[in-house]
Amino acid sequence: MKGRQGAVQGPPLAVVGGRKDVAEGVRTAVGPDPQSDDGRRPVAWLYITAPPDWKVTPSGRSWCTCGHDQHAIGRAAVIVLLKIHAQHRTLCPLLNPLEGRAVS
């Protein structure tokens, strides 16, 4: 086809500074992986819903991977649930294994 021409190339871009082998901000030395797994896992959870409105009833749940699972509805019951959760954390076999302890 007659009449078609390629695009006209502009002048080459000016290069400022020296050649960079690595992008700025990228570490070149191999260090410890910040996302590495240290073996810790969540075991026990406490979830409390306490709306700021005193007319709304608070509720809560305490559960653990060992099978502990408690629910509470109402202010007094949630306060008791807090105590149960704290006690469970000291007695849970997953959080406090008996291996290596002196038996009393």
Protein backbone atom coordinates (compact mmCIF):
# COMPACT_ATOMS: atom_id res chain seq x y z
CA MET A 1 0.00 0.00 0.00
CA LYS A 2 1.41 3.29 -1.05
CA GLY A 3 1.25 6.38 1.08
CA ARG A 4 1.76 4.71 4.49
CA GLN A 5 4.82 5.57 6.51
CA GLY A 6 6.08 4.46 9.92
CA ALA A 7 5.85 6.75 12.91
CA VAL A 8 8.59 9.34 13.19
CA GLN A 9 10.94 8.60 16.10
CA GLY A 10 11.78 11.45 18.45
CA PRO A 11 15.23 12.22 19.77
CA PRO A 12 16.64 9.77 22.36
CA LEU A 13 15.81 10.56 25.99
CA ALA A 14 18.54 12.12 28.10
CA VAL A 15 19.93 9.86 30.84
CA VAL A 16 20.70 11.55 34.15
CA GLY A 17 23.02 9.81 36.65
CA GLY A 18 24.62 6.43 36.38
CA ARG A 19 23.09 3.08 35.57
CA LYS A 20 21.04 1.50 38.34
CA ASP A 21 21.07 -2.27 38.69
CA VAL A 22 18.37 -2.35 41.37
CA ALA A 23 15.38 -0.14 41.98
CA GLU A 24 15.76 2.38 44.78
CA GLY A 25 14.51 1.22 48.14
CA VAL A 26 14.97 -2.47 47.36
CA ARG A 27 17.23 -4.35 49.75
CA THR A 28 19.99 -6.29 48.05
CA ALA A 29 21.29 -8.20 51.08
CA VAL A 30 19.36 -11.25 52.19
CA GLY A 31 18.04 -10.74 55.71
CA PRO A 32 15.48 -12.42 57.93
CA ASP A 33 12.04 -12.61 56.39
CA PRO A 34 9.74 -10.20 58.29
CA GLN A 35 6.77 -12.41 57.35
CA SER A 36 8.37 -15.61 58.64
CA ASP A 37 6.37 -17.93 60.85
CA ASP A 38 7.51 -17.93 64.48
CA GLY A 39 5.16 -20.78 65.44
CA ARG A 40 2.78 -18.73 67.58
CA ARG A 41 -0.93 -19.19 66.98
CA PRO A 42 -4.01 -17.67 68.64
CA VAL A 43 -5.55 -20.22 70.99
CA ALA A 44 -8.14 -18.43 73.15
CA TRP A 45 -10.43 -15.56 72.13
CA LEU A 46 -12.69 -13.19 74.02
CA TYR A 47 -15.27 -11.20 72.07
CA ILE A 48 -17.52 -8.70 73.83
CA THR A 49 -20.16 -6.45 72.31
CA ALA A 50 -20.94 -3.55 74.63
CA PRO A 51 -22.74 -0.74 72.80
CA PRO A 52 -22.43 2.73 74.36
CA ASP A 53 -26.21 2.94 74.75
CA TRP A 54 -27.17 1.63 78.23
CA LYS A 55 -30.51 0.47 76.83
CA VAL A 56 -28.78 -2.14 74.64
CA THR A 57 -27.86 -5.44 76.31
CA PRO A 58 -24.16 -6.39 76.06
CA SER A 59 -23.10 -9.90 75.12
CA GLY A 60 -19.89 -11.86 74.98
CA ARG A 61 -18.24 -15.09 73.97
CA SER A 62 -15.11 -16.81 75.24
CA TRP A 63 -13.78 -19.73 73.24
CA CYS A 64 -10.61 -21.76 72.85
CA THR A 65 -9.26 -24.37 70.47
CA CYS A 66 -9.22 -26.87 73.37
CA GLY A 67 -13.05 -26.94 73.26
CA HIS A 68 -13.89 -24.27 75.86
CA ASP A 69 -16.86 -22.23 74.61
CA GLN A 70 -18.95 -19.91 76.82
CA HIS A 71 -21.58 -17.32 75.93
CA ALA A 72 -23.02 -14.53 78.07
CA ILE A 73 -25.87 -12.06 77.65
CA GLY A 74 -26.36 -9.14 80.04
CA ARG A 75 -23.99 -6.95 82.06
CA ALA A 76 -23.58 -9.22 85.06
CA ALA A 77 -23.14 -12.33 82.90
CA VAL A 78 -20.47 -10.63 80.74
CA ILE A 79 -18.51 -9.62 83.86
CA VAL A 80 -18.60 -13.25 85.02
CA LEU A 81 -17.53 -14.33 81.51
CA LEU A 82 -14.45 -12.08 81.81
CA LYS A 83 -13.47 -13.90 85.01
CA ILE A 84 -14.12 -17.32 83.45
CA HIS A 85 -11.97 -16.40 80.44
CA ALA A 86 -9.09 -15.24 82.64
CA GLN A 87 -9.32 -18.42 84.71
CA HIS A 88 -9.41 -20.58 81.60
CA ARG A 89 -6.23 -18.95 80.28
CA THR A 90 -4.39 -20.08 83.43
CA LEU A 91 -5.80 -23.65 83.30
CA CYS A 92 -5.96 -24.39 79.55
CA PRO A 93 -3.79 -27.37 78.59
CA LEU A 94 -2.95 -25.74 75.24
CA LEU A 95 -1.72 -22.52 76.85
CA ASN A 96 -0.10 -24.18 79.88
CA PRO A 97 1.10 -27.67 79.00
CA LEU A 98 1.92 -29.93 81.95
CA GLU A 99 5.05 -31.31 80.25
CA GLY A 100 8.16 -30.30 82.17
CA ARG A 101 6.24 -29.14 85.26
CA ALA A 102 6.47 -30.62 88.71
CA VAL A 103 3.19 -32.29 89.67
CA SER A 104 1.81 -31.00 92.95
